[in-house]
Amino acid sequence: MDTTALRSAYDTLLDAAAVPDLGDADDGGWSADQVLAHLLGVDASIAAVALGVVAGSRPVFDNRISLDTWNLDRIIAEHSGRTALIDHVRDQAAVLCDIADQLNEKAASVLVPTLLMSNDALVLDQPIPLASLIDGLAEDHVPVHTRQLLDLRVAVSGDA
């Protein structure tokens, strides 16, 4: 697989995560740290799925654990602050991309039973190719969370 787009999406996300003065969501949504913890969970889970496919097992992907606020808070507590979270996301994204770079066409085409939830709504409940699961990170998931992080910027005088 070609992970150029995914690596680029993560570079943009990590730049957004490093913006000073990220505040809290006005709507009671996730904090920047929770977004980063969510990404850590998703990336590790997809990397595990990819390795499972290569090993010949029949893994599934279910994103619900990466949405659980208790689990997100647990992940956050394991880090010494936002910088440590950012560093871990950078490292985990590199691991995921390195695994994806090594997938051959046959492994990338394996159908993975996938359950995706977002805001308590079912987004997807069907098998999709492993490549689509990974490519979906670059095409949608990472850019959505980049925008979410940028929306947390605290307005300072002079901002429009």
Foldseek 3Di string as FASTA:
>chain_A
DDCPLVLVLLVLLLVLLPDPAQAADPVNDDGSLLLLLLLLVQLVQLLVCLVCLVVVHQAAEESPCSVDVVSSVVSSVVAPDSVRSSVSSNVSSVSSNVSVVPDDPVSQQDWHQYWDDDPNHTDDGGTGGSVCSSVCCSVPVSVVSSVVSNSRHDDDPPDD
